[in-house]
Amino acid sequence: MKYTWGGRSVMKRVKSFQALLLVLVSLWGAAGAAAQTGPDETETEFGPVVRAYLGYLRNEQEVVDDRASRHEVNRAYYRRNSNRIRALRQMALQIATETGNDYLPELEAATRDELKNLFEDPPRPGTFHVGDVLHNTFRFLGTVRAGEIFYLFARLDPYEQAELMQKEKEREKTEAASGNSQSTKLTTTTTSTASQGSGVEATRPRRANAATTNSSVP
């Protein structure tokens, strides 16, 4: 026996309800995913360049999460790179807030044991000062603790690197010229002193001869 409800079969209404429920669940899931991966309210105050970089970091975190879910990376790799992304995000927000500019340099975040990946001859972190330029390539921005301590650097653009290298060459030339000038002065002073010493020694025999001559006179 076929039951009807409002001119339609009960079975059809049940199927329609199930389809509607499936659509609602799908929409709810999509909204939840967007809320998790989309920009938060604090990012709306920044310009498109800064927002784009923050979006890039979110995408990087999604890649790390996906690889971890597929068991392609170990826990240590996942933790280190998730912490690195947090450190980069924190520094990016700090720079954008302090400068008020819609611009970010190319940022690098490295732990103490990763400095060898940035420098052929890694400097000692204890010598770092905020604003220092290292190897004409990186400007030290500071440290960020995100699970562990990361050293944050801004990579100089090619024009900045070329300008610093040119200044270094000019400074070396100036120092070399100054060194040559000091050497010349020292040589001149030494020669003058030696000449004066020779003159003193040369007059002494004449005085002795003069005394001898005077004593021989009757």
Protein backbone atom coordinates (compact mmCIF):
# COMPACT_ATOMS: atom_id res chain seq x y z
CA MET A 1 0.00 0.00 0.00
CA LYS A 2 1.39 3.41 -0.97
CA TYR A 3 0.95 6.18 1.61
CA THR A 4 0.75 9.79 0.45
CA TRP A 5 1.22 13.05 2.25
CA GLY A 6 -0.02 16.22 0.63
CA GLY A 7 -0.36 14.53 -2.74
CA ARG A 8 3.18 13.14 -2.69
CA SER A 9 4.42 9.81 -1.50
CA VAL A 10 6.11 9.58 1.88
CA MET A 11 9.13 7.95 0.28
CA LYS A 12 9.67 10.90 -2.04
CA ARG A 13 9.44 13.37 0.85
CA VAL A 14 11.96 11.36 2.85
CA LYS A 15 14.38 11.33 -0.08
CA SER A 16 13.94 15.07 -0.58
CA PHE A 17 14.61 15.71 3.11
CA GLN A 18 17.73 13.55 2.99
CA ALA A 19 19.03 15.43 -0.03
CA LEU A 20 18.38 18.77 1.64
CA LEU A 21 20.13 17.60 4.80
CA LEU A 22 23.14 16.48 2.78
CA VAL A 23 23.38 19.89 1.12
CA LEU A 24 23.14 21.67 4.49
CA VAL A 25 25.87 19.47 5.99
CA SER A 26 28.12 20.13 2.99
CA LEU A 27 27.60 23.88 3.28
CA TRP A 28 28.26 23.78 7.02
CA GLY A 29 31.50 21.86 6.47
CA ALA A 30 32.67 24.30 3.80
CA ALA A 31 31.91 27.24 6.08
CA GLY A 32 33.85 25.62 8.91
CA ALA A 33 36.87 25.01 6.67
CA ALA A 34 36.77 28.59 5.44
CA ALA A 35 36.65 29.83 9.01
CA GLN A 36 39.72 27.78 9.87
CA THR A 37 41.85 28.66 6.86
CA GLY A 38 40.52 32.11 5.97
CA PRO A 39 42.01 35.38 7.20
CA ASP A 40 41.17 36.42 10.74
CA GLU A 41 39.83 39.83 11.70
CA THR A 42 43.25 41.21 12.60
CA GLU A 43 44.42 40.90 8.98
CA THR A 44 41.75 43.16 7.49
CA GLU A 45 43.60 46.29 8.63
CA PHE A 46 46.58 45.52 6.36
CA GLY A 47 47.09 46.13 2.66
CA PRO A 48 46.96 43.53 -0.11
CA VAL A 49 50.70 42.76 -0.03
CA VAL A 50 50.75 41.93 3.67
CA ARG A 51 47.48 39.98 3.43
CA ALA A 52 48.87 38.01 0.51
CA TYR A 53 51.94 37.02 2.54
CA LEU A 54 49.81 35.97 5.49
CA GLY A 55 47.69 33.92 3.07
CA TYR A 56 50.85 32.30 1.76
CA LEU A 57 51.78 31.26 5.29
CA ARG A 58 48.33 29.74 5.80
CA ASN A 59 48.76 27.73 2.62
CA GLU A 60 52.17 26.54 3.80
CA GLN A 61 50.61 25.37 7.06
CA GLU A 62 47.95 23.48 5.11
CA VAL A 63 50.66 21.73 3.11
CA VAL A 64 52.48 20.74 6.29
CA ASP A 65 49.23 19.50 7.84
CA ASP A 66 48.41 17.48 4.74
CA ARG A 67 51.83 15.85 4.62
CA ALA A 68 51.57 15.00 8.29
CA SER A 69 48.11 13.47 7.80
CA ARG A 70 49.55 11.28 5.04
CA HIS A 71 52.43 10.26 7.31
CA GLU A 72 54.94 11.68 4.82
CA VAL A 73 56.85 13.56 7.53
CA ASN A 74 57.74 12.74 11.10
CA ARG A 75 56.55 14.60 14.18
CA ALA A 76 59.78 16.57 14.60
CA TYR A 77 59.54 17.91 11.03
CA TYR A 78 55.91 18.87 11.52
CA ARG A 79 56.58 20.64 14.82
CA ARG A 80 59.64 22.54 13.54
CA ASN A 81 57.97 23.82 10.38
CA SER A 82 54.71 24.69 12.11
CA ASN A 83 56.69 26.71 14.66
CA ARG A 84 58.64 28.38 11.85
CA ILE A 85 55.42 29.47 10.16
CA ARG A 86 54.19 30.94 13.45
CA ALA A 87 57.46 32.84 13.89
CA LEU A 88 57.31 34.25 10.36
CA ARG A 89 53.71 35.32 10.84
CA GLN A 90 54.51 37.05 14.12
CA MET A 91 57.42 38.98 12.58
CA ALA A 92 55.38 39.92 9.51
CA LEU A 93 52.59 41.34 11.68
CA GLN A 94 55.15 43.19 13.80
CA ILE A 95 56.81 44.82 10.78
CA ALA A 96 53.49 45.74 9.16
CA THR A 97 52.18 47.23 12.41
CA GLU A 98 55.32 49.20 13.25
CA THR A 99 55.96 50.61 9.77
CA GLY A 100 52.37 51.05 8.64
CA ASN A 101 53.54 50.18 5.11
CA ASP A 102 52.05 47.60 2.80
CA TYR A 103 55.45 46.02 2.26
CA LEU A 104 57.38 43.11 3.68
CA PRO A 105 60.97 42.06 2.97
CA GLU A 106 61.83 38.48 2.16
CA LEU A 107 61.83 36.90 5.59
CA GLU A 108 63.90 33.96 6.82
CA ALA A 109 63.48 32.14 10.12
CA ALA A 110 66.11 29.71 11.37
CA THR A 111 66.90 27.97 14.62
CA ARG A 112 70.43 28.00 15.99
CA ASP A 113 71.32 24.69 14.32
CA GLU A 114 69.89 25.89 10.99
CA LEU A 115 72.09 29.00 10.65
CA LYS A 116 74.50 26.92 8.59
CA ASN A 117 71.79 26.79 5.93
CA LEU A 118 71.95 30.58 5.57
CA PHE A 119 75.67 31.24 6.09
CA GLU A 120 78.74 29.39 4.86
CA ASP A 121 80.52 30.45 8.04
CA PRO A 122 77.70 30.89 10.58
CA PRO A 123 78.27 33.77 13.01
CA ARG A 124 77.70 33.26 16.73
CA PRO A 125 74.13 34.24 17.67
CA GLY A 126 75.46 35.97 20.78
CA THR A 127 77.02 38.63 18.55
CA PHE A 128 73.75 39.52 16.78
CA HIS A 129 72.29 42.99 17.26
CA VAL A 130 68.99 44.09 15.79
CA GLY A 131 69.66 45.96 12.55
CA ASP A 132 73.08 44.38 11.94
CA VAL A 133 73.81 43.35 8.34
CA LEU A 134 75.51 39.98 8.11
CA HIS A 135 77.67 38.98 5.14
CA ASN A 136 76.09 41.79 3.07
CA THR A 137 73.08 39.50 2.63
CA PHE A 138 70.83 39.46 5.70
CA ARG A 139 69.64 42.07 8.18
CA PHE A 140 68.99 40.68 11.65
CA LEU A 141 65.47 41.52 12.84
CA GLY A 142 65.40 39.82 16.22
CA THR A 143 64.30 36.56 17.79
CA VAL A 144 60.85 35.02 18.13
CA ARG A 145 59.97 32.26 20.55
CA ALA A 146 57.45 29.97 18.87
CA GLY A 147 57.85 26.66 20.63
CA GLU A 148 61.60 27.24 20.23
CA ILE A 149 63.81 30.24 19.51
CA PHE A 150 63.97 31.36 15.88
CA TYR A 151 66.38 33.98 14.52
CA LEU A 152 64.58 36.22 12.05
CA PHE A 153 66.34 37.85 9.10
CA ALA A 154 65.34 40.04 6.17
CA ARG A 155 67.16 39.12 2.97
CA LEU A 156 68.52 42.25 1.29
CA ASP A 157 67.48 42.82 -2.30
CA PRO A 158 70.20 42.73 -5.00
CA TYR A 159 70.45 46.54 -5.11
CA GLU A 160 71.05 46.79 -1.37
CA GLN A 161 73.66 44.04 -1.54
CA ALA A 162 75.48 45.74 -4.43
CA GLU A 163 75.45 49.09 -2.61
CA LEU A 164 76.89 47.55 0.56
CA MET A 165 79.61 45.75 -1.38
CA GLN A 166 80.56 49.01 -3.12
CA LYS A 167 80.75 50.85 0.22
CA GLU A 168 82.92 48.07 1.63
CA LYS A 169 85.33 48.33 -1.30
CA GLU A 170 85.57 52.12 -0.90
CA ARG A 171 86.22 51.73 2.83
CA GLU A 172 88.99 49.21 2.16
CA LYS A 173 90.61 51.60 -0.33
CA THR A 174 90.43 54.45 2.19
CA GLU A 175 91.96 52.30 4.92
CA ALA A 176 94.71 51.13 2.55
CA ALA A 177 95.50 54.71 1.54
CA SER A 178 95.55 55.79 5.17
CA GLY A 179 97.89 52.91 6.00
CA ASN A 180 100.26 53.87 3.19
CA SER A 181 100.26 57.49 4.37
CA GLN A 182 101.11 56.50 7.93
CA SER A 183 103.87 54.21 6.65
CA THR A 184 105.34 57.03 4.55
CA LYS A 185 105.34 59.40 7.54
CA LEU A 186 107.03 56.80 9.71
CA THR A 187 109.72 56.17 7.10
CA THR A 188 110.37 59.90 6.72
CA THR A 189 110.67 60.39 10.48
CA THR A 190 113.03 57.44 10.81
CA THR A 191 115.26 58.71 7.99
CA SER A 192 115.38 62.20 9.50
CA THR A 193 116.36 60.83 12.90
CA ALA A 194 119.08 58.67 11.38
CA SER A 195 120.47 61.65 9.47
CA GLN A 196 120.62 63.74 12.62
CA GLY A 197 122.44 60.93 14.42
CA SER A 198 125.02 60.70 11.63
CA GLY A 199 125.67 64.44 11.81
CA VAL A 200 126.43 64.31 15.52
CA GLU A 201 128.86 61.48 15.06
CA ALA A 202 130.54 63.33 12.16
CA THR A 203 131.30 66.49 14.19
CA ARG A 204 132.93 64.75 17.08
CA PRO A 205 136.20 63.82 15.24
CA ARG A 206 136.53 67.41 14.06
CA ARG A 207 136.33 68.69 17.62
CA ALA A 208 138.88 66.11 18.72
CA ASN A 209 141.25 67.13 15.88
CA ALA A 210 140.85 70.73 16.79
CA ALA A 211 141.82 70.00 20.39
CA THR A 212 144.86 68.03 19.24
CA THR A 213 145.97 70.85 16.96
CA ASN A 214 145.69 73.42 19.72
CA SER A 215 147.73 71.30 22.11
CA SER A 216 150.57 70.90 19.63
CA VAL A 217 151.09 74.61 19.25
CA PRO A 218 154.11 75.85 21.46
